[in-house]
């Protein structure tokens, strides 16, 4: 028997480690083809990980676990759910199941690597075999390097090698025969919870029992976190690849349009395998080449594949530079003198800056635990370049409110906007929030969806909000604030701030 430890891979299909543990895979981690399985699926709520969690992500995690549990129950098995330090909980679970091996898929953040090292040592101490697999991304973060052997810091060069590399096929889905029965898992859970077994709580009232957010120290979020699970992920991907992907490059920057996959949360929690997602895009590309699609349809699909590559680019940046979670990737000679005005930052968080596209994005975040990608760039530029606030304020706020928060992706995006990251936006390129709103939401459909104070106004008036007089604003939308800063003035301040950070004369 083997114990499979789920983490950021809440699925049974296209799960490399699970396929190996159940005997569904073609080979083991060492290239052999051992007789494997059955496997007992388990998930452990790690207090060290929960210290970095939020209400929306805990709710979304629990929804994903409920969907995963149902997938196992359909196969006559279940999900063993535990709480505690994995260095203690995983060996105890293995002992209760009499498992000869513990299997998991690698995670690449600094916190995850430290955790896994501790679990390896704990399992070695009790003579239980352990095995880790490459699963979360198509290419291992250490696999694609420059010709000099260094990690890439420029995406375009990384993409060229990424797209040329062969991609693995989706891993096979385990059958009922490859999984430990629900009855056997229940027996193990009973043993763990027996009086005197250990003072540490490991299970929550039996096999498959999930805690509530309150049990974990969190509240139910006000935001709607969206659907969870593999079935929902596949439905979302199928709908996207059926039509929207063929106009992806032209439409994806317009937040009022349903032109993006909205797959980010499913990938973040591993509810769909990245190999399955990539294979589906390849099938869509083949269809585009043989169907009555526009001539550029294959290029549109490739544009979406680039989003998968960006995800892996930032994963390898974090893998090789774990300090970027809290520190600038790019060093400025004199350091950046952030303004960090608390009232301005608070207005940004509330969506009350007086810049409609910015406020719409911040309110979408609060309502849906999600924000359109183009708008993420706009609000990030506004915080760092208009409010002159440290990108860490924005990163922390996104981490708190995004259901799809991913350390590598979010950190990469924020440092890109702040001109402190790898392959970052040049410091002198500063988004004009009014121009961005007019260009990407010309009818103000997105803005008025989330900023009700502006509903009923002509779109041109909304896009000219910064130019209106106080009287005109009061007559048009008395409940919507005036701009809290002057973009033109702050743009000049931002340029001077970055020049000083570079050791240059801001007057030149």
Protein backbone atom coordinates (compact mmCIF):
# COMPACT_ATOMS: atom_id res chain seq x y z
CA UNK A 1 0.00 0.00 0.00
CA UNK A 2 1.10 3.56 -0.75
CA UNK A 3 0.06 6.93 0.65
CA UNK A 4 -0.46 9.69 -1.88
CA UNK A 5 -0.18 13.15 -0.38
CA UNK A 6 -2.23 15.78 -2.23
CA UNK A 7 -1.13 19.40 -2.07
CA UNK A 8 -1.61 21.72 -5.06
CA UNK A 9 -2.93 18.90 -7.23
CA UNK A 10 -6.57 18.41 -6.28
CA UNK A 11 -7.47 16.00 -9.06
CA UNK A 12 -7.35 12.32 -9.93
CA UNK A 13 -6.83 12.80 -13.68
CA UNK A 14 -3.48 13.77 -15.20
CA UNK A 15 -1.80 13.52 -11.81
CA UNK A 16 1.70 12.15 -12.33
CA UNK A 17 2.41 11.17 -8.74
CA UNK A 18 -1.00 9.63 -8.16
CA UNK A 19 -0.74 7.64 -11.40
CA UNK A 20 2.61 6.24 -10.25
CA UNK A 21 1.38 5.44 -6.73
CA UNK A 22 -1.72 3.61 -7.97
CA UNK A 23 0.10 1.71 -10.68
CA UNK A 24 -1.69 3.61 -13.44
CA UNK A 25 1.54 5.28 -14.56
CA UNK A 26 3.89 3.75 -17.08
CA UNK A 27 6.88 3.89 -14.80
CA UNK A 28 8.11 4.88 -11.38
CA UNK A 29 10.20 7.89 -10.44
CA UNK A 30 13.40 5.99 -11.17
CA UNK A 31 12.34 4.82 -14.62
CA UNK A 32 11.46 1.27 -13.59
CA UNK A 33 7.99 -0.23 -13.91
CA UNK A 34 7.26 -1.57 -10.41
CA UNK A 35 4.06 -3.28 -9.35
CA UNK A 36 2.39 -0.39 -7.53
CA UNK A 37 -0.71 0.43 -5.52
CA UNK A 38 -3.21 0.53 -4.14
CA UNK A 39 -2.84 4.11 -2.98
CA UNK A 40 -4.56 5.94 -0.14
CA UNK A 41 -5.25 9.61 -1.03
CA UNK A 42 -4.70 12.14 1.76
CA UNK A 43 -4.61 15.87 2.34
CA UNK A 44 -3.07 17.62 5.34
CA UNK A 45 -3.98 21.12 6.48
CA UNK A 46 -0.55 22.49 7.34
CA UNK A 47 -0.63 25.31 9.93
CA UNK A 48 2.51 26.85 8.41
CA UNK A 49 0.75 27.12 5.05
CA UNK A 50 -2.46 28.37 6.64
CA UNK A 51 -0.46 31.20 8.21
CA UNK A 52 -0.13 32.59 4.68
CA UNK A 53 -3.72 31.86 3.60
CA UNK A 54 -6.83 34.05 3.42
CA UNK A 55 -10.59 33.69 3.76
CA UNK A 56 -11.21 33.44 0.01
CA UNK A 57 -8.44 30.95 -0.65
CA UNK A 58 -9.42 28.72 2.26
CA UNK A 59 -13.01 28.69 1.00
CA UNK A 60 -11.83 27.90 -2.54
CA UNK A 61 -9.49 25.19 -1.22
CA UNK A 62 -12.31 23.53 0.72
CA UNK A 63 -14.53 23.59 -2.38
CA UNK A 64 -11.76 21.96 -4.39
CA UNK A 65 -11.24 19.31 -1.74
CA UNK A 66 -14.97 18.55 -1.68
CA UNK A 67 -14.88 17.98 -5.45
CA UNK A 68 -11.79 15.79 -5.15
CA UNK A 69 -13.39 13.76 -2.35
CA UNK A 70 -16.44 13.14 -4.55
CA UNK A 71 -14.21 11.93 -7.39
CA UNK A 72 -12.68 9.35 -5.05
CA UNK A 73 -16.03 8.29 -3.65
CA UNK A 74 -17.25 7.61 -7.17
CA UNK A 75 -14.36 5.14 -7.39
CA UNK A 76 -15.16 3.40 -4.10
CA UNK A 77 -12.42 5.21 -2.20
CA UNK A 78 -12.32 8.46 -0.24
CA UNK A 79 -10.01 11.26 0.84
CA UNK A 80 -8.27 11.02 4.19
CA UNK A 81 -8.19 14.56 5.58
CA UNK A 82 -5.85 15.52 8.40
CA UNK A 83 -4.60 18.57 10.25
CA UNK A 84 -1.16 19.16 11.69
CA UNK A 85 2.50 19.61 10.85
CA UNK A 86 3.16 17.31 7.87
CA UNK A 87 6.46 16.24 9.44
CA UNK A 88 4.35 14.56 12.11
CA UNK A 89 1.08 13.91 10.31
CA UNK A 90 2.45 12.20 7.19
CA UNK A 91 4.47 9.55 9.08
CA UNK A 92 1.46 8.93 11.34
CA UNK A 93 -0.84 8.49 8.36
CA UNK A 94 1.63 6.13 6.75
CA UNK A 95 1.86 4.12 9.97
CA UNK A 96 -1.94 3.90 10.40
CA UNK A 97 -2.26 2.63 6.84
CA UNK A 98 0.81 0.41 7.02
CA UNK A 99 1.99 2.20 3.87
CA UNK A 100 5.39 1.24 2.55
CA UNK A 101 5.83 4.42 0.52
CA UNK A 102 4.64 8.05 0.53
CA UNK A 103 4.31 9.76 -2.84
CA UNK A 104 3.71 13.39 -3.73
CA UNK A 105 4.19 15.93 -6.52
CA UNK A 106 6.83 18.59 -6.14
CA UNK A 107 5.98 22.17 -5.28
CA UNK A 108 8.52 24.86 -6.05
CA UNK A 109 8.08 27.73 -3.58
CA UNK A 110 10.62 28.22 -0.82
CA UNK A 111 8.07 27.38 1.88
CA UNK A 112 7.01 24.20 0.10
CA UNK A 113 10.57 23.02 -0.48
CA UNK A 114 11.42 23.57 3.18
CA UNK A 115 8.30 21.64 4.23
CA UNK A 116 9.08 18.74 1.89
CA UNK A 117 12.64 18.50 3.10
CA UNK A 118 11.34 18.15 6.66
CA UNK A 119 8.90 15.42 5.64
CA UNK A 120 11.64 13.52 3.82
CA UNK A 121 13.76 13.54 6.95
CA UNK A 122 10.81 12.44 9.10
CA UNK A 123 10.05 9.53 6.77
CA UNK A 124 13.69 8.50 6.63
CA UNK A 125 13.69 8.37 10.44
CA UNK A 126 10.90 5.77 10.42
CA UNK A 127 12.19 3.85 7.39
CA UNK A 128 9.29 4.71 5.08
CA UNK A 129 10.14 5.15 1.42
CA UNK A 130 9.25 8.46 -0.25
CA UNK A 131 8.98 9.54 -3.84
CA UNK A 132 8.44 12.94 -5.45
CA UNK A 133 7.31 13.60 -9.03
CA UNK A 134 7.40 16.47 -11.50
CA UNK A 135 3.78 17.44 -12.16
CA UNK A 136 2.80 21.09 -11.54
CA UNK A 137 4.28 22.56 -14.72
CA UNK A 138 5.11 21.20 -18.15
CA UNK A 139 8.83 21.82 -17.72
CA UNK A 140 10.70 21.56 -14.44
CA UNK A 141 11.86 25.02 -13.25
CA UNK A 142 15.45 23.90 -13.54
CA UNK A 143 15.08 22.39 -17.01
CA UNK A 144 15.16 25.41 -19.31
CA UNK A 145 18.34 27.48 -19.08
CA UNK A 146 20.36 29.81 -21.24
CA UNK A 147 23.18 28.45 -23.37
CA UNK A 148 25.51 29.60 -20.58
CA UNK A 149 23.60 27.47 -18.09
CA UNK A 150 21.85 30.30 -16.23
CA UNK A 151 18.13 30.62 -15.46
CA UNK A 152 16.27 32.90 -17.87
CA UNK A 153 15.38 36.43 -16.85
CA UNK A 154 13.88 37.47 -20.20
CA UNK A 155 10.60 35.83 -21.13
CA UNK A 156 10.92 36.01 -24.94
CA UNK A 157 14.07 33.89 -24.89
CA UNK A 158 12.56 31.48 -22.38
CA UNK A 159 9.46 31.11 -24.59
CA UNK A 160 11.50 30.10 -27.62
CA UNK A 161 12.99 27.16 -25.78
CA UNK A 162 9.75 26.37 -23.93
CA UNK A 163 7.75 26.09 -27.13
CA UNK A 164 10.39 23.90 -28.79
CA UNK A 165 10.51 21.39 -25.93
CA UNK A 166 8.44 18.22 -26.18
CA UNK A 167 5.48 18.11 -23.78
CA UNK A 168 4.49 15.00 -21.85
CA UNK A 169 1.11 13.43 -22.50
CA UNK A 170 -1.50 13.61 -19.72
CA UNK A 171 -0.94 11.04 -16.99
CA UNK A 172 -3.46 8.18 -16.87
CA UNK A 173 -6.36 8.34 -14.43
CA UNK A 174 -6.33 5.67 -11.69
CA UNK A 175 -9.11 3.10 -11.59
CA UNK A 176 -10.97 1.90 -8.52
CA UNK A 177 -8.60 -1.07 -8.30
CA UNK A 178 -5.65 1.26 -7.83
CA UNK A 179 -7.17 3.00 -4.81
CA UNK A 180 -7.54 1.96 -1.19
CA UNK A 181 -11.17 1.28 -0.30
CA UNK A 182 -13.21 3.74 1.73
CA UNK A 183 -13.63 1.12 4.47
CA UNK A 184 -9.87 0.70 4.84
CA UNK A 185 -9.42 4.47 5.02
CA UNK A 186 -12.13 4.67 7.69
CA UNK A 187 -10.30 2.08 9.78
CA UNK A 188 -7.11 4.13 9.56
CA UNK A 189 -8.97 7.31 10.54
CA UNK A 190 -10.49 5.55 13.55
CA UNK A 191 -7.05 4.41 14.67
CA UNK A 192 -5.68 7.92 14.39
CA UNK A 193 -8.52 9.33 16.48
CA UNK A 194 -8.61 6.56 19.06
CA UNK A 195 -8.29 7.71 22.69
CA UNK A 196 -4.65 7.90 23.66
CA UNK A 197 -3.38 7.63 20.09
CA UNK A 198 -1.82 11.09 20.22
CA UNK A 199 -2.79 14.45 21.64
CA UNK A 200 -2.48 16.12 18.24
CA UNK A 201 -5.71 16.24 16.25
CA UNK A 202 -5.13 14.60 12.89
CA UNK A 203 -8.54 13.88 11.38
CA UNK A 204 -11.79 15.78 11.61
CA UNK A 205 -14.31 13.21 12.70
CA UNK A 206 -13.63 10.40 10.26
CA UNK A 207 -12.47 9.81 6.73
CA UNK A 208 -13.53 12.43 4.22
CA UNK A 209 -14.67 14.92 6.86
CA UNK A 210 -13.70 18.44 5.86
CA UNK A 211 -13.29 21.25 8.40
CA UNK A 212 -15.17 24.51 8.08
CA UNK A 213 -13.32 27.76 7.50
CA UNK A 214 -14.04 28.58 11.14
CA UNK A 215 -12.38 25.35 12.25
CA UNK A 216 -9.23 26.56 10.50
CA UNK A 217 -9.42 30.08 11.92
CA UNK A 218 -10.95 31.80 8.88
CA UNK A 219 -14.26 33.44 8.02
CA UNK A 220 -16.62 32.82 5.15
CA UNK A 221 -15.67 35.42 2.52
CA UNK A 222 -18.10 37.97 1.17
CA UNK A 223 -16.83 37.36 -2.36
CA UNK A 224 -18.17 34.67 -4.66
CA UNK A 225 -15.18 32.41 -5.22
CA UNK A 226 -16.56 30.56 -8.25
CA UNK A 227 -16.86 26.86 -9.12
CA UNK A 228 -14.24 24.29 -8.17
CA UNK A 229 -13.12 20.83 -9.25
CA UNK A 230 -12.01 19.00 -12.36
CA UNK A 231 -15.45 18.81 -13.99
CA UNK A 232 -15.90 22.59 -13.70
CA UNK A 233 -12.36 23.16 -14.99
CA UNK A 234 -12.94 20.98 -18.02
CA UNK A 235 -16.23 22.68 -18.78
CA UNK A 236 -14.57 26.09 -18.57
CA UNK A 237 -11.68 25.02 -20.79
CA UNK A 238 -13.95 23.34 -23.35
CA UNK A 239 -16.14 26.42 -23.62
CA UNK A 240 -13.10 28.64 -24.10
CA UNK A 241 -11.45 26.43 -26.71
CA UNK A 242 -14.71 25.98 -28.60
CA UNK A 243 -14.78 29.60 -29.74
CA UNK A 244 -13.17 32.37 -27.67
CA UNK A 245 -9.60 31.13 -28.09
CA UNK A 246 -9.72 31.82 -31.82
CA UNK A 247 -10.03 35.53 -31.12
CA UNK A 248 -7.84 35.50 -28.04
CA UNK A 249 -5.11 37.92 -29.09
CA UNK A 250 -7.59 40.49 -30.37
CA UNK A 251 -10.12 40.25 -27.54
CA UNK A 252 -8.34 39.23 -24.35
CA UNK A 253 -7.50 42.78 -23.18
CA UNK A 254 -11.15 43.88 -23.09
CA UNK A 255 -12.51 43.13 -19.62
CA UNK A 256 -16.19 43.45 -20.60
CA UNK A 257 -15.82 40.56 -23.05
CA UNK A 258 -15.77 36.86 -22.16
CA UNK A 259 -12.52 36.40 -24.04
CA UNK A 260 -10.24 34.71 -21.49
CA UNK A 261 -10.22 31.16 -20.16
CA UNK A 262 -10.78 32.02 -16.46
CA UNK A 263 -8.75 28.85 -15.80
CA UNK A 264 -6.29 30.44 -13.37
CA UNK A 265 -7.90 29.25 -10.13
CA UNK A 266 -8.28 25.71 -11.46
CA UNK A 267 -4.59 25.62 -12.35
CA UNK A 268 -3.59 27.21 -9.05
CA UNK A 269 -5.28 24.44 -7.05
CA UNK A 270 -4.31 21.80 -9.57
CA UNK A 271 -7.89 20.81 -10.35
CA UNK A 272 -6.91 20.29 -13.96
CA UNK A 273 -3.54 18.99 -15.06
CA UNK A 274 -1.35 21.30 -17.10
CA UNK A 275 -0.61 18.48 -19.56
CA UNK A 276 -4.34 17.99 -20.11
CA UNK A 277 -4.83 21.73 -20.61
CA UNK A 278 -1.93 21.95 -23.06
CA UNK A 279 -3.11 18.88 -24.99
CA UNK A 280 -6.52 20.50 -25.34
CA UNK A 281 -4.95 23.63 -26.82
CA UNK A 282 -3.00 21.49 -29.28
CA UNK A 283 -6.24 19.80 -30.32
CA UNK A 284 -7.84 23.21 -30.79
CA UNK A 285 -4.90 24.30 -32.93
CA UNK A 286 -5.21 21.19 -35.09
CA UNK A 287 -8.91 21.89 -35.48
CA UNK A 288 -8.18 25.47 -36.47
CA UNK A 289 -5.81 24.32 -39.20
CA UNK A 290 -8.35 21.94 -40.71
CA UNK A 291 -11.60 23.83 -40.06
CA UNK A 292 -13.17 26.91 -41.56
CA UNK A 293 -11.42 29.20 -39.12
CA UNK A 294 -9.62 32.47 -39.98
CA UNK A 295 -6.09 32.04 -41.26
CA UNK A 296 -4.64 33.38 -38.01
CA UNK A 297 -6.61 30.99 -35.77
CA UNK A 298 -3.56 28.80 -34.97
CA UNK A 299 -1.61 31.91 -33.95
CA UNK A 300 -4.47 32.87 -31.65
CA UNK A 301 -4.22 29.50 -29.90
CA UNK A 302 -0.46 29.89 -29.61
CA UNK A 303 -1.02 33.28 -27.98
CA UNK A 304 -2.99 31.51 -25.27
CA UNK A 305 -0.29 28.86 -24.92
CA UNK A 306 2.06 31.71 -24.13
CA UNK A 307 0.05 32.32 -20.97
CA UNK A 308 0.94 28.81 -19.85
CA UNK A 309 4.58 29.60 -20.62
CA UNK A 310 4.43 32.84 -18.62
CA UNK A 311 3.17 30.79 -15.67
CA UNK A 312 6.20 28.53 -15.94
CA UNK A 313 8.60 31.41 -16.54
CA UNK A 314 7.59 32.98 -13.24
CA UNK A 315 7.74 29.58 -11.53
CA UNK A 316 11.38 29.23 -12.52
CA UNK A 317 12.12 32.80 -11.41
CA UNK A 318 10.72 32.00 -7.95
CA UNK A 319 12.47 28.63 -7.85
CA UNK A 320 15.88 30.19 -8.44
CA UNK A 321 15.18 33.39 -6.49
CA UNK A 322 12.90 32.59 -3.52
CA UNK A 323 13.75 35.93 -1.95
CA UNK A 324 11.69 37.80 -4.58
CA UNK A 325 8.56 37.19 -2.50
CA UNK A 326 9.66 40.04 -0.25
CA UNK A 327 12.56 41.69 -2.10
CA UNK A 328 13.02 43.45 -5.43
CA UNK A 329 14.38 41.19 -8.13
CA UNK A 330 16.09 44.17 -9.75
CA UNK A 331 18.43 46.20 -7.58
CA UNK A 332 18.39 49.99 -7.83
CA UNK A 333 21.64 51.69 -6.92
CA UNK A 334 20.09 54.15 -4.48
CA UNK A 335 16.90 52.30 -3.59
CA UNK A 336 13.37 53.46 -4.40
CA UNK A 337 11.89 56.12 -2.13
CA UNK A 338 8.24 55.04 -2.14
CA UNK A 339 5.70 57.65 -1.08
CA UNK A 340 3.42 55.08 0.69
CA UNK A 341 0.62 57.47 1.65
CA UNK A 342 -1.74 55.34 3.83
CA UNK A 343 -4.88 57.27 2.85
CA UNK A 344 -4.16 56.92 -0.86
CA UNK A 345 -3.43 53.21 -0.50
CA UNK A 346 -6.68 52.76 1.46
CA UNK A 347 -8.67 54.56 -1.27
CA UNK A 348 -7.07 52.28 -3.86
CA UNK A 349 -8.08 49.20 -1.89
CA UNK A 350 -11.66 50.44 -1.55
CA UNK A 351 -11.95 51.29 -5.24
CA UNK A 352 -12.45 54.98 -4.55
CA UNK A 353 -9.59 56.63 -6.42
CA UNK A 354 -11.72 58.64 -8.83
CA UNK A 355 -10.20 56.76 -11.77
CA UNK A 356 -13.08 54.60 -13.06
CA UNK A 357 -11.18 51.67 -14.60
CA UNK A 358 -9.00 51.37 -11.48
CA UNK A 359 -12.00 51.45 -9.15
CA UNK A 360 -13.91 48.93 -11.26
CA UNK A 361 -11.03 46.48 -10.99
CA UNK A 362 -10.64 46.87 -7.26
CA UNK A 363 -14.36 46.37 -6.73
CA UNK A 364 -14.43 43.32 -8.98
CA UNK A 365 -11.67 41.90 -6.79
CA UNK A 366 -13.75 42.45 -3.67
CA UNK A 367 -16.94 41.01 -5.17
CA UNK A 368 -15.58 38.06 -7.15
CA UNK A 369 -12.15 37.29 -5.68
CA UNK A 370 -10.95 37.75 -9.27
CA UNK A 371 -9.77 40.53 -11.56
CA UNK A 372 -9.34 40.61 -15.33
CA UNK A 373 -5.67 40.42 -16.31
CA UNK A 374 -5.50 43.70 -18.24
CA UNK A 375 -7.10 45.45 -15.28
CA UNK A 376 -4.59 43.83 -12.92
CA UNK A 377 -1.86 45.58 -14.87
CA UNK A 378 -3.73 48.89 -14.79
CA UNK A 379 -4.38 48.87 -11.04
CA UNK A 380 -0.81 47.74 -10.33
CA UNK A 381 0.63 50.54 -12.43
CA UNK A 382 -1.66 53.02 -10.70
CA UNK A 383 -0.56 51.94 -7.23
CA UNK A 384 3.15 51.96 -8.00
CA UNK A 385 3.43 54.79 -10.53
CA UNK A 386 0.53 57.14 -9.66
CA UNK A 387 0.38 56.62 -5.91
CA UNK A 388 4.14 55.91 -5.72
CA UNK A 389 3.40 53.05 -3.31
CA UNK A 390 5.59 50.02 -2.75
CA UNK A 391 4.44 47.06 -4.84
CA UNK A 392 4.36 44.92 -1.70
CA UNK A 393 1.20 46.72 -0.57
CA UNK A 394 -0.51 45.58 -3.74
CA UNK A 395 0.92 42.08 -3.66
CA UNK A 396 -0.30 41.60 -0.08
CA UNK A 397 -3.77 42.90 -0.95
CA UNK A 398 -4.04 40.59 -3.95
CA UNK A 399 -2.83 37.66 -1.85
CA UNK A 400 -5.61 38.40 0.62
CA UNK A 401 -8.43 38.77 -1.90
CA UNK A 402 -7.64 36.72 -5.03
CA UNK A 403 -8.98 33.18 -5.12
CA UNK A 404 -6.41 32.38 -7.81
CA UNK A 405 -3.45 33.90 -5.95
CA UNK A 406 -0.29 32.16 -7.05
CA UNK A 407 2.94 33.27 -5.41
CA UNK A 408 5.07 33.08 -8.54
CA UNK A 409 2.55 34.64 -10.93
CA UNK A 410 1.38 37.42 -8.64
CA UNK A 411 4.85 38.33 -7.50
CA UNK A 412 6.07 38.35 -11.09
CA UNK A 413 3.17 40.54 -12.18
CA UNK A 414 3.57 43.06 -9.38
CA UNK A 415 7.31 43.38 -9.82
CA UNK A 416 6.78 43.74 -13.59
CA UNK A 417 4.41 46.66 -12.99
CA UNK A 418 6.73 48.26 -10.45
CA UNK A 419 9.75 47.98 -12.79
CA UNK A 420 11.59 46.00 -10.12
CA UNK A 421 11.22 42.50 -11.57
CA UNK A 422 12.67 40.25 -14.21
CA UNK A 423 11.89 41.34 -17.77
CA UNK A 424 9.96 44.21 -16.17
CA UNK A 425 8.09 47.15 -17.60
CA UNK A 426 10.68 49.94 -18.11
CA UNK A 427 10.33 52.52 -15.34
CA UNK A 428 9.51 55.25 -17.86
CA UNK A 429 6.53 53.37 -19.31
CA UNK A 430 3.64 54.46 -17.10
CA UNK A 431 0.04 53.52 -17.85
CA UNK A 432 -2.39 56.40 -18.17
CA UNK A 433 -5.47 55.03 -16.37
CA UNK A 434 -7.91 57.17 -18.34
CA UNK A 435 -6.40 56.18 -21.69
CA UNK A 436 -6.39 52.54 -20.64
CA UNK A 437 -10.07 52.74 -19.68
CA UNK A 438 -11.05 54.42 -22.93
CA UNK A 439 -9.04 51.98 -25.04
CA UNK A 440 -10.04 48.70 -23.39
CA UNK A 441 -13.52 49.57 -22.10
CA UNK A 442 -14.72 52.09 -24.69
CA UNK A 443 -18.41 51.70 -23.86
CA UNK A 444 -17.66 51.71 -20.11
CA UNK A 445 -19.55 48.42 -19.83
CA UNK A 446 -17.00 46.92 -17.45
CA UNK A 447 -16.71 50.12 -15.43
CA UNK A 448 -20.44 50.52 -14.91
CA UNK A 449 -20.85 46.86 -13.99
CA UNK A 450 -18.73 47.41 -10.89
CA UNK A 451 -19.11 51.16 -10.28
CA UNK A 452 -22.86 51.70 -9.99
CA UNK A 453 -22.41 55.41 -9.21
CA UNK A 454 -21.51 55.93 -12.88
CA UNK A 455 -24.35 53.98 -14.43
CA UNK A 456 -26.47 55.95 -16.84
CA UNK A 457 -23.65 58.31 -17.78
CA UNK A 458 -22.36 58.61 -21.30
CA UNK A 459 -19.14 56.63 -21.75
CA UNK A 460 -17.28 59.71 -22.96
CA UNK A 461 -18.18 61.51 -19.77
CA UNK A 462 -16.86 58.61 -17.69
CA UNK A 463 -13.58 58.56 -19.59
CA UNK A 464 -13.26 62.33 -19.15
CA UNK A 465 -13.92 62.21 -15.40
CA UNK A 466 -10.46 63.55 -14.55
CA UNK A 467 -11.05 66.60 -16.73
CA UNK A 468 -14.45 67.61 -15.33
CA UNK A 469 -14.94 70.49 -12.96
CA UNK A 470 -16.20 69.84 -9.42
CA UNK A 471 -19.61 71.17 -10.45
CA UNK A 472 -19.79 68.90 -13.49
CA UNK A 473 -18.86 65.89 -11.36
CA UNK A 474 -21.42 66.77 -8.71
CA UNK A 475 -24.13 67.07 -11.35
CA UNK A 476 -23.14 63.87 -13.18
CA UNK A 477 -22.42 61.44 -10.32
CA UNK A 478 -22.47 63.06 -6.89
CA UNK A 479 -21.61 59.83 -5.07
CA UNK A 480 -18.47 59.07 -7.07
CA UNK A 481 -15.21 60.68 -5.87
CA UNK A 482 -12.99 63.12 -7.68
CA UNK A 483 -9.55 61.81 -8.68
CA UNK A 484 -7.38 61.55 -5.57
CA UNK A 485 -4.23 62.45 -7.52
CA UNK A 486 -3.36 64.21 -10.76
CA UNK A 487 -1.97 61.58 -13.13
CA UNK A 488 0.23 63.99 -15.07
CA UNK A 489 1.84 65.36 -11.93
CA UNK A 490 2.38 61.94 -10.40
CA UNK A 491 3.85 60.64 -13.64
CA UNK A 492 6.57 63.28 -13.43
CA UNK A 493 7.15 62.45 -9.75
CA UNK A 494 7.44 58.76 -10.59
CA UNK A 495 10.02 59.41 -13.32
CA UNK A 496 12.04 61.52 -10.90
CA UNK A 497 11.73 58.89 -8.16
CA UNK A 498 13.09 56.14 -10.41
CA UNK A 499 15.86 58.32 -11.77
CA UNK A 500 17.04 59.05 -8.23
CA UNK A 501 16.89 55.33 -7.48
CA UNK A 502 19.12 54.73 -10.51
CA UNK A 503 21.60 57.31 -9.29
CA UNK A 504 20.65 59.75 -12.08
CA UNK A 505 19.84 63.44 -11.96
CA UNK A 506 16.02 63.71 -12.10
CA UNK A 507 16.33 67.07 -13.83
CA UNK A 508 18.09 65.60 -16.86
